[in-house]
Amino acid sequence: MTTAERQAHATDDSVGVLVSRASQQISELVREEMQLARAEMTQKGKRFGKGGGLFGAAGLIGVLAAQALLATCIAALALVLPVWAAALIVTVVLAVIAAWMAVSGKKQIAKAGTPAPQQTIDSLKADVAEIKEKAHR
């Protein structure tokens, strides 16, 4: 085997090794990006769940407030006594709780942001840009 043949064979080997290494690194990069996306979606899902639960609880408390208001009206019409005043106080307390839960639920939904895994998307865009840049060298 001549020196030129040995050099050509060594170059073929090094290109093969580089392609293999690049393939392995891309595969590893994709796995890491998928893990990042999974973690980000889990976090956002928890926030959406908490916000939705608070909205649901606000709805339930709102229904109870409406029922208490009806009881207040009935008590006020049936007896012009302090019973209606007590029922009115309960109604106001329930309404305040419902309003607080609705505001808290809205804050949780706003904190969660968009449902898309934005950090992962940005990271993938940066990875693609870097790969394109290196491919053009």
C-alpha atoms as a PDB file:
ATOM      1  CA  MET A   1       0.000   0.000   0.000  1.00  0.00           C
ATOM      2  CA  THR A   2       1.457   3.356  -0.984  1.00  0.00           C
ATOM      3  CA  THR A   3       1.610   6.420   1.209  1.00  0.00           C
ATOM      4  CA  ALA A   4      -1.087   8.160  -0.848  1.00  0.00           C
ATOM      5  CA  GLU A   5      -3.387   5.135  -0.480  1.00  0.00           C
ATOM      6  CA  ARG A   6      -2.792   5.052   3.299  1.00  0.00           C
ATOM      7  CA  GLN A   7      -3.585   8.772   3.569  1.00  0.00           C
ATOM      8  CA  ALA A   8      -6.780   8.392   1.505  1.00  0.00           C
ATOM      9  CA  HIS A   9      -7.823   5.431   3.673  1.00  0.00           C
ATOM     10  CA  ALA A  10      -7.092   7.442   6.864  1.00  0.00           C
ATOM     11  CA  THR A  11      -9.128  10.392   5.517  1.00  0.00           C
ATOM     12  CA  ASP A  12     -12.064   8.070   4.759  1.00  0.00           C
ATOM     13  CA  ASP A  13     -11.830   6.676   8.286  1.00  0.00           C
ATOM     14  CA  SER A  14     -11.756  10.144   9.860  1.00  0.00           C
ATOM     15  CA  VAL A  15     -14.761  11.307   7.792  1.00  0.00           C
ATOM     16  CA  GLY A  16     -16.652   8.204   8.868  1.00  0.00           C
ATOM     17  CA  VAL A  17     -15.756   8.861  12.500  1.00  0.00           C
ATOM     18  CA  LEU A  18     -16.839  12.504  12.188  1.00  0.00           C
ATOM     19  CA  VAL A  19     -20.162  11.558  10.614  1.00  0.00           C
ATOM     20  CA  SER A  20     -20.731   8.942  13.303  1.00  0.00           C
ATOM     21  CA  ARG A  21     -19.855  11.394  16.057  1.00  0.00           C
ATOM     22  CA  ALA A  22     -22.116  14.092  14.561  1.00  0.00           C
ATOM     23  CA  SER A  23     -24.990  11.620  14.321  1.00  0.00           C
ATOM     24  CA  GLN A  24     -24.490  10.608  17.945  1.00  0.00           C
ATOM     25  CA  GLN A  25     -24.354  14.234  19.100  1.00  0.00           C
ATOM     26  CA  ILE A  26     -27.508  15.163  17.174  1.00  0.00           C
ATOM     27  CA  SER A  27     -29.291  12.165  18.666  1.00  0.00           C
ATOM     28  CA  GLU A  28     -28.177  13.195  22.161  1.00  0.00           C
ATOM     29  CA  LEU A  29     -29.222  16.795  21.503  1.00  0.00           C
ATOM     30  CA  VAL A  30     -32.704  15.713  20.395  1.00  0.00           C
ATOM     31  CA  ARG A  31     -33.095  13.556  23.531  1.00  0.00           C
ATOM     32  CA  GLU A  32     -32.081  16.476  25.762  1.00  0.00           C
ATOM     33  CA  GLU A  33     -34.479  18.838  23.979  1.00  0.00           C
ATOM     34  CA  MET A  34     -37.316  16.323  24.446  1.00  0.00           C
ATOM     35  CA  GLN A  35     -36.532  16.123  28.170  1.00  0.00           C
ATOM     36  CA  LEU A  36     -36.583  19.925  28.378  1.00  0.00           C
ATOM     37  CA  ALA A  37     -39.927  20.056  26.548  1.00  0.00           C
ATOM     38  CA  ARG A  38     -41.390  17.403  28.859  1.00  0.00           C
ATOM     39  CA  ALA A  39     -40.261  19.297  31.976  1.00  0.00           C
ATOM     40  CA  GLU A  40     -41.580  22.616  30.652  1.00  0.00           C
ATOM     41  CA  MET A  41     -44.961  21.146  29.672  1.00  0.00           C
ATOM     42  CA  THR A  42     -45.282  19.485  33.100  1.00  0.00           C
ATOM     43  CA  GLN A  43     -44.698  22.811  34.830  1.00  0.00           C
ATOM     44  CA  LYS A  44     -47.195  24.630  32.597  1.00  0.00           C
ATOM     45  CA  GLY A  45     -49.738  21.838  32.998  1.00  0.00           C
ATOM     46  CA  LYS A  46     -49.584  22.163  36.770  1.00  0.00           C
ATOM     47  CA  ARG A  47     -50.188  25.911  36.553  1.00  0.00           C
ATOM     48  CA  PHE A  48     -53.114  25.495  34.163  1.00  0.00           C
ATOM     49  CA  GLY A  49     -54.557  22.794  36.424  1.00  0.00           C
ATOM     50  CA  LYS A  50     -54.251  24.947  39.517  1.00  0.00           C
ATOM     51  CA  GLY A  51     -55.787  27.965  37.770  1.00  0.00           C
ATOM     52  CA  GLY A  52     -58.615  25.864  36.362  1.00  0.00           C
ATOM     53  CA  GLY A  53     -59.276  24.346  39.785  1.00  0.00           C
ATOM     54  CA  LEU A  54     -59.485  27.789  41.339  1.00  0.00           C
ATOM     55  CA  PHE A  55     -61.894  28.935  38.611  1.00  0.00           C
ATOM     56  CA  GLY A  56     -64.018  25.842  39.258  1.00  0.00           C
ATOM     57  CA  ALA A  57     -64.000  26.489  42.995  1.00  0.00           C
ATOM     58  CA  ALA A  58     -64.937  30.127  42.336  1.00  0.00           C
ATOM     59  CA  GLY A  59     -67.915  28.915  40.306  1.00  0.00           C
ATOM     60  CA  LEU A  60     -69.035  26.594  43.107  1.00  0.00           C
ATOM     61  CA  ILE A  61     -68.685  29.314  45.729  1.00  0.00           C
ATOM     62  CA  GLY A  62     -70.584  31.672  43.407  1.00  0.00           C
ATOM     63  CA  VAL A  63     -73.485  29.181  43.203  1.00  0.00           C
ATOM     64  CA  LEU A  64     -73.481  28.889  46.991  1.00  0.00           C
ATOM     65  CA  ALA A  65     -73.518  32.693  47.227  1.00  0.00           C
ATOM     66  CA  ALA A  66     -76.562  32.798  44.959  1.00  0.00           C
ATOM     67  CA  GLN A  67     -78.300  30.186  47.107  1.00  0.00           C
ATOM     68  CA  ALA A  68     -77.487  32.116  50.249  1.00  0.00           C
ATOM     69  CA  LEU A  69     -78.846  35.276  48.633  1.00  0.00           C
ATOM     70  CA  LEU A  70     -82.103  33.469  47.907  1.00  0.00           C
ATOM     71  CA  ALA A  71     -82.236  32.257  51.493  1.00  0.00           C
ATOM     72  CA  THR A  72     -81.638  35.856  52.571  1.00  0.00           C
ATOM     73  CA  CYS A  73     -84.507  37.112  50.452  1.00  0.00           C
ATOM     74  CA  ILE A  74     -86.812  34.401  51.753  1.00  0.00           C
ATOM     75  CA  ALA A  75     -85.814  35.071  55.343  1.00  0.00           C
ATOM     76  CA  ALA A  76     -86.220  38.826  54.836  1.00  0.00           C
ATOM     77  CA  LEU A  77     -89.686  38.429  53.369  1.00  0.00           C
ATOM     78  CA  ALA A  78     -90.857  35.783  55.842  1.00  0.00           C
ATOM     79  CA  LEU A  79     -89.666  37.496  58.973  1.00  0.00           C
ATOM     80  CA  VAL A  80     -88.518  41.002  59.467  1.00  0.00           C
ATOM     81  CA  LEU A  81     -86.072  39.824  62.110  1.00  0.00           C
ATOM     82  CA  PRO A  82     -82.270  39.448  62.479  1.00  0.00           C
ATOM     83  CA  VAL A  83     -82.396  36.058  60.679  1.00  0.00           C
ATOM     84  CA  TRP A  84     -82.236  37.815  57.334  1.00  0.00           C
ATOM     85  CA  ALA A  85     -79.285  39.910  58.504  1.00  0.00           C
ATOM     86  CA  ALA A  86     -77.362  36.753  59.368  1.00  0.00           C
ATOM     87  CA  ALA A  87     -78.188  35.233  55.981  1.00  0.00           C
ATOM     88  CA  LEU A  88     -77.022  38.441  54.263  1.00  0.00           C
ATOM     89  CA  ILE A  89     -73.693  38.322  56.090  1.00  0.00           C
ATOM     90  CA  VAL A  90     -73.145  34.718  54.906  1.00  0.00           C
ATOM     91  CA  THR A  91     -73.943  35.766  51.348  1.00  0.00           C
ATOM     92  CA  VAL A  92     -71.416  38.605  51.428  1.00  0.00           C
ATOM     93  CA  VAL A  93     -68.692  36.381  52.878  1.00  0.00           C
ATOM     94  CA  LEU A  94     -69.257  33.715  50.196  1.00  0.00           C
ATOM     95  CA  ALA A  95     -69.226  36.348  47.451  1.00  0.00           C
ATOM     96  CA  VAL A  96     -65.915  37.767  48.717  1.00  0.00           C
ATOM     97  CA  ILE A  97     -64.383  34.270  48.793  1.00  0.00           C
ATOM     98  CA  ALA A  98     -65.590  33.598  45.230  1.00  0.00           C
ATOM     99  CA  ALA A  99     -64.097  36.879  44.008  1.00  0.00           C
ATOM    100  CA  TRP A 100     -60.750  36.137  45.684  1.00  0.00           C
ATOM    101  CA  MET A 101     -60.620  32.636  44.146  1.00  0.00           C
ATOM    102  CA  ALA A 102     -61.452  33.981  40.676  1.00  0.00           C
ATOM    103  CA  VAL A 103     -58.659  36.564  40.880  1.00  0.00           C
ATOM    104  CA  SER A 104     -56.212  33.918  42.145  1.00  0.00           C
ATOM    105  CA  GLY A 105     -57.193  31.564  39.324  1.00  0.00           C
ATOM    106  CA  LYS A 106     -56.694  34.289  36.734  1.00  0.00           C
ATOM    107  CA  LYS A 107     -53.214  35.027  38.123  1.00  0.00           C
ATOM    108  CA  GLN A 108     -52.269  31.332  37.882  1.00  0.00           C
ATOM    109  CA  ILE A 109     -53.420  31.138  34.260  1.00  0.00           C
ATOM    110  CA  ALA A 110     -51.499  34.324  33.436  1.00  0.00           C
ATOM    111  CA  LYS A 111     -48.338  32.947  35.120  1.00  0.00           C
ATOM    112  CA  ALA A 112     -48.491  29.769  33.054  1.00  0.00           C
ATOM    113  CA  GLY A 113     -48.279  31.755  29.817  1.00  0.00           C
ATOM    114  CA  THR A 114     -48.874  30.087  26.471  1.00  0.00           C
ATOM    115  CA  PRO A 115     -49.247  26.302  26.463  1.00  0.00           C
ATOM    116  CA  ALA A 116     -46.384  25.900  23.950  1.00  0.00           C
ATOM    117  CA  PRO A 117     -42.967  24.930  25.419  1.00  0.00           C
ATOM    118  CA  GLN A 118     -41.377  28.288  24.566  1.00  0.00           C
ATOM    119  CA  GLN A 119     -37.964  27.593  26.121  1.00  0.00           C
ATOM    120  CA  THR A 120     -37.650  24.385  24.118  1.00  0.00           C
ATOM    121  CA  ILE A 121     -38.715  26.082  20.890  1.00  0.00           C
ATOM    122  CA  ASP A 122     -36.145  28.843  21.417  1.00  0.00           C
ATOM    123  CA  SER A 123     -33.453  26.303  22.240  1.00  0.00           C
ATOM    124  CA  LEU A 124     -34.249  24.243  19.131  1.00  0.00           C
ATOM    125  CA  LYS A 125     -34.115  27.347  16.937  1.00  0.00           C
ATOM    126  CA  ALA A 126     -30.694  28.180  18.364  1.00  0.00           C
ATOM    127  CA  ASP A 127     -29.517  24.588  17.764  1.00  0.00           C
ATOM    128  CA  VAL A 128     -30.708  24.626  14.156  1.00  0.00           C
ATOM    129  CA  ALA A 129     -29.041  27.982  13.542  1.00  0.00           C
ATOM    130  CA  GLU A 130     -25.769  26.699  14.967  1.00  0.00           C
ATOM    131  CA  ILE A 131     -25.901  23.503  12.897  1.00  0.00           C
ATOM    132  CA  LYS A 132     -26.605  25.541   9.734  1.00  0.00           C
ATOM    133  CA  GLU A 133     -23.742  27.874  10.554  1.00  0.00           C
ATOM    134  CA  LYS A 134     -21.311  24.998  11.061  1.00  0.00           C
ATOM    135  CA  ALA A 135     -22.522  23.283   7.886  1.00  0.00           C
ATOM    136  CA  HIS A 136     -21.678  26.380   5.820  1.00  0.00           C
ATOM    137  CA  ARG A 137     -18.090  26.531   7.076  1.00  0.00           C
END
